[in-house]
Amino acid sequence: MPEQIPLSILFVCLGNICRSTMAEGTFRHHLSNYTTPSTSRYTLSLDRIDSCGTGAYHVGSAPDRRTLHTLRAHGITHYKHSARKLRISDFTDFDYIFVMDESNFEDVMAERTRTLKLKGGKMAKGAVTAVDADSATILGKAGDGLAHVMLFGAFGGQKARKGEQEIVDDPYYGGDEGFEVAFEQVDRFSRNFLEWLEKDEE
C-alpha cells in the first residue's frame, strides 16, 4: 500500500461566524461518518480541519446563532468554534483553503502571494483554481509548498462542470432562509469533495 498523505483543509469567509463555520461544521459532520478507503493514498482527520475569516471583525466570537440553529436543524449539534483571522502560517499548515466567494478568493490570494514573496518562491502551476476542480492537484500542497486556494463552489456539481462560479452568499444581513441556502450549498460541496477524492483512487 502506498504511503498515505494526511490532507488538511481550511474554510474561509469574511468574518468566520457564518459561512466558513457552516462549512467547517458540515464537513466535520460528514467526515465523522466517513471511512477512508483502506487502499487510499490520503487520510483525513478532524484535527486537520479548521475555519477562519479574512477580516478580524469577530475574532474570539462563537458562530452566529443562526448558523448554529441551522446546523442543529440538520443534526449537527456539537460544533464549537472561536472566530479567528487568516494568518500567514495557514498557507503552510493547510493543503487546501476553500473560500466562499470571489472577494474572499482575492483577499486570500493577496495574502498567499505576500507569503510566497516572503519565502522567496514562485507560484506553482496548478496552485490556484477558482472554478474547475478537475484542474487542481488533489493530494498535498502545491508545488511551491503552499496551500491550494479554491472556491469551495468548485465542487458544486453541474454548475462547476459548466465552468460557472458557484459562490456562497453572505447571509449575515438577511433572514434564516439565507442560512438554509448556505447549508444546502456547503453540504453538497462537502459530499462532492469526498466523492472527488474517491474518484482519484479509481
Protein backbone atom coordinates (compact mmCIF):
# COMPACT_ATOMS: atom_id res chain seq x y z
CA MET A 1 0.00 0.00 0.00
CA PRO A 2 1.43 3.46 -0.87
CA GLU A 3 2.37 5.90 1.88
CA GLN A 4 -0.74 7.83 2.93
CA ILE A 5 -0.73 11.63 2.76
CA PRO A 6 -2.63 13.45 5.54
CA LEU A 7 -4.76 16.18 3.99
CA SER A 8 -5.69 19.36 5.85
CA ILE A 9 -8.48 21.80 4.95
CA LEU A 10 -9.24 25.40 5.94
CA PHE A 11 -12.58 27.07 5.17
CA VAL A 12 -12.56 30.86 4.79
CA CYS A 13 -15.19 33.61 4.62
CA LEU A 14 -15.19 37.25 5.74
CA GLY A 15 -15.85 37.18 9.48
CA ASN A 16 -15.69 33.47 10.37
CA ILE A 17 -19.07 33.31 12.09
CA CYS A 18 -21.48 32.36 9.27
CA ARG A 19 -20.37 30.67 6.06
CA SER A 20 -16.95 29.25 6.88
CA THR A 21 -18.18 27.92 10.22
CA MET A 22 -21.20 26.42 8.46
CA ALA A 23 -18.82 24.74 6.03
CA GLU A 24 -16.48 23.51 8.74
CA GLY A 25 -19.26 22.16 10.93
CA THR A 26 -20.92 20.42 8.00
CA PHE A 27 -17.69 18.95 6.66
CA ARG A 28 -16.73 17.72 10.13
CA HIS A 29 -20.11 16.01 10.37
CA HIS A 30 -19.60 14.23 7.07
CA LEU A 31 -16.05 13.31 7.97
CA SER A 32 -17.10 11.81 11.31
CA ASN A 33 -19.31 9.41 9.34
CA TYR A 34 -16.78 8.77 6.59
CA THR A 35 -14.42 5.82 6.28
CA THR A 36 -11.30 6.43 4.24
CA PRO A 37 -10.76 3.53 1.81
CA SER A 38 -8.03 1.20 3.09
CA THR A 39 -6.18 1.48 -0.22
CA SER A 40 -6.34 5.28 -0.27
CA ARG A 41 -3.31 7.50 -0.81
CA TYR A 42 -4.67 10.11 1.60
CA THR A 43 -6.06 10.39 5.12
CA LEU A 44 -8.49 12.92 6.57
CA SER A 45 -8.90 13.63 10.27
CA LEU A 46 -10.95 16.09 12.31
CA ASP A 47 -7.88 17.69 13.90
CA ARG A 48 -6.75 18.92 10.49
CA ILE A 49 -9.96 20.80 9.66
CA ASP A 50 -10.46 24.47 10.63
CA SER A 51 -12.03 27.76 9.51
CA CYS A 52 -11.15 31.46 9.69
CA GLY A 53 -12.03 34.87 8.27
CA THR A 54 -10.22 37.36 6.06
CA GLY A 55 -11.25 40.12 8.48
CA ALA A 56 -10.85 40.50 12.23
CA TYR A 57 -14.41 41.74 12.84
CA HIS A 58 -15.49 38.88 15.12
CA VAL A 59 -12.23 37.44 16.50
CA GLY A 60 -12.96 35.33 19.57
CA SER A 61 -16.71 35.13 18.90
CA ALA A 62 -18.78 31.98 18.63
CA PRO A 63 -20.55 31.21 15.33
CA ASP A 64 -23.66 33.26 14.54
CA ARG A 65 -26.68 31.87 16.41
CA ARG A 66 -28.43 31.34 13.07
CA THR A 67 -25.51 29.23 11.85
CA LEU A 68 -25.73 27.06 14.95
CA HIS A 69 -29.52 26.85 14.68
CA THR A 70 -29.27 25.72 11.05
CA LEU A 71 -26.61 23.13 11.87
CA ARG A 72 -28.70 21.77 14.75
CA ALA A 73 -31.75 21.56 12.49
CA HIS A 74 -29.72 19.19 10.33
CA GLY A 75 -28.48 17.04 13.19
CA ILE A 76 -25.12 18.75 13.74
CA THR A 77 -25.33 19.51 17.44
CA HIS A 78 -21.80 19.56 18.89
CA TYR A 79 -19.98 22.08 16.73
CA LYS A 80 -18.00 24.75 18.57
CA HIS A 81 -15.60 27.36 17.23
CA SER A 82 -13.92 30.62 18.20
CA ALA A 83 -13.55 33.02 15.26
CA ARG A 84 -10.06 33.93 14.11
CA LYS A 85 -8.40 35.80 11.27
CA LEU A 86 -6.40 34.24 8.44
CA ARG A 87 -2.70 34.07 9.27
CA ILE A 88 0.44 33.52 7.22
CA SER A 89 1.08 30.11 8.78
CA ASP A 90 -2.23 28.84 7.36
CA PHE A 91 -0.64 28.61 3.92
CA THR A 92 1.89 26.07 5.19
CA ASP A 93 -0.31 24.41 7.81
CA PHE A 94 -3.09 23.50 5.35
CA ASP A 95 -3.17 21.77 1.98
CA TYR A 96 -6.45 23.25 0.74
CA ILE A 97 -8.05 26.59 1.50
CA PHE A 98 -11.68 26.68 0.38
CA VAL A 99 -13.18 30.17 0.14
CA MET A 100 -16.84 31.12 -0.12
CA ASP A 101 -16.90 33.93 -2.71
CA GLU A 102 -14.76 35.92 -5.14
CA SER A 103 -13.94 38.63 -2.61
CA ASN A 104 -12.63 36.02 -0.17
CA PHE A 105 -10.67 34.49 -3.04
CA GLU A 106 -8.98 37.79 -3.90
CA ASP A 107 -8.14 38.55 -0.27
CA VAL A 108 -6.71 35.10 0.39
CA MET A 109 -4.75 35.16 -2.85
CA ALA A 110 -3.23 38.51 -1.92
CA GLU A 111 -2.04 37.02 1.37
CA ARG A 112 -0.81 33.89 -0.38
CA THR A 113 1.23 35.97 -2.83
CA ARG A 114 2.67 38.01 0.03
CA THR A 115 3.57 34.84 1.91
CA LEU A 116 5.27 33.39 -1.13
CA LYS A 117 7.33 36.57 -1.63
CA LEU A 118 8.43 36.41 1.99
CA LYS A 119 9.62 32.87 1.32
CA GLY A 120 11.34 33.95 -1.86
CA GLY A 121 9.46 31.47 -4.01
CA LYS A 122 7.45 31.48 -7.23
CA MET A 123 3.83 30.43 -7.60
CA ALA A 124 3.46 26.87 -8.81
CA LYS A 125 1.34 25.87 -11.79
CA GLY A 126 -1.97 24.46 -10.56
CA ALA A 127 -1.67 26.16 -7.17
CA VAL A 128 -4.90 28.04 -7.65
CA THR A 129 -8.22 27.35 -9.32
CA ALA A 130 -11.37 29.37 -8.77
CA VAL A 131 -13.74 27.16 -10.71
CA ASP A 132 -12.53 23.89 -12.19
CA ALA A 133 -11.94 21.21 -9.57
CA ASP A 134 -10.51 18.85 -12.18
CA SER A 135 -7.55 21.16 -12.84
CA ALA A 136 -6.35 21.02 -9.23
CA THR A 137 -3.83 18.56 -7.87
CA ILE A 138 -5.71 16.51 -5.33
CA LEU A 139 -3.08 15.29 -2.90
CA GLY A 140 -0.83 17.54 -0.86
CA LYS A 141 0.23 21.14 -1.23
CA ALA A 142 1.02 22.96 -4.44
CA GLY A 143 4.49 22.73 -5.93
CA ASP A 144 5.54 25.97 -4.24
CA GLY A 145 4.91 24.41 -0.82
CA LEU A 146 1.82 26.48 -0.01
CA ALA A 147 -1.86 25.58 0.12
CA HIS A 148 -4.07 25.40 -2.93
CA VAL A 149 -6.73 28.14 -2.88
CA MET A 150 -10.11 27.35 -4.42
CA LEU A 151 -13.71 28.42 -4.32
CA PHE A 152 -15.50 25.72 -2.34
CA GLY A 153 -18.10 26.02 -5.10
CA ALA A 154 -15.64 24.30 -7.44
CA PHE A 155 -17.31 21.20 -6.03
CA GLY A 156 -20.79 22.46 -6.83
CA GLY A 157 -21.56 19.71 -9.32
CA GLN A 158 -23.36 20.65 -12.52
CA LYS A 159 -22.58 24.37 -12.32
CA ALA A 160 -18.88 23.74 -11.80
CA ARG A 161 -18.83 21.36 -14.76
CA LYS A 162 -20.24 24.18 -16.90
CA GLY A 163 -17.45 26.47 -15.76
CA GLU A 164 -19.70 28.69 -13.66
CA GLN A 165 -18.54 30.05 -10.33
CA GLU A 166 -20.94 28.96 -7.62
CA ILE A 167 -20.46 31.19 -4.60
CA VAL A 168 -21.92 31.07 -1.11
CA ASP A 169 -23.57 34.42 -0.45
CA ASP A 170 -23.11 36.01 2.96
CA PRO A 171 -26.40 35.51 4.89
CA TYR A 172 -25.39 37.76 7.80
CA TYR A 173 -27.70 40.68 6.98
CA GLY A 174 -30.63 38.55 5.86
CA GLY A 175 -33.08 36.12 7.42
CA ASP A 176 -32.91 32.47 8.37
CA GLU A 177 -33.59 31.37 4.79
CA GLY A 178 -30.16 32.61 3.72
CA PHE A 179 -28.51 30.32 6.24
CA GLU A 180 -30.54 27.39 4.96
CA VAL A 181 -29.38 28.14 1.40
CA ALA A 182 -25.78 28.32 2.60
CA PHE A 183 -26.15 25.00 4.37
CA GLU A 184 -27.53 23.30 1.26
CA GLN A 185 -24.52 24.54 -0.69
CA VAL A 186 -21.75 23.59 1.75
CA ASP A 187 -23.44 20.25 2.43
CA ARG A 188 -23.44 19.49 -1.31
CA PHE A 189 -19.88 20.75 -1.77
CA SER A 190 -18.67 18.60 1.14
CA ARG A 191 -20.25 15.47 -0.29
CA ASN A 192 -18.89 16.20 -3.75
CA PHE A 193 -15.37 16.82 -2.44
CA LEU A 194 -15.29 13.45 -0.68
CA GLU A 195 -16.63 11.75 -3.80
CA TRP A 196 -13.99 13.58 -5.85
CA LEU A 197 -11.24 12.21 -3.64
CA GLU A 198 -12.59 8.70 -4.03
CA LYS A 199 -12.67 9.03 -7.81
CA ASP A 200 -8.97 9.83 -7.73
CA GLU A 201 -8.40 6.42 -6.21
CA GLU A 202 -10.10 4.57 -9.07
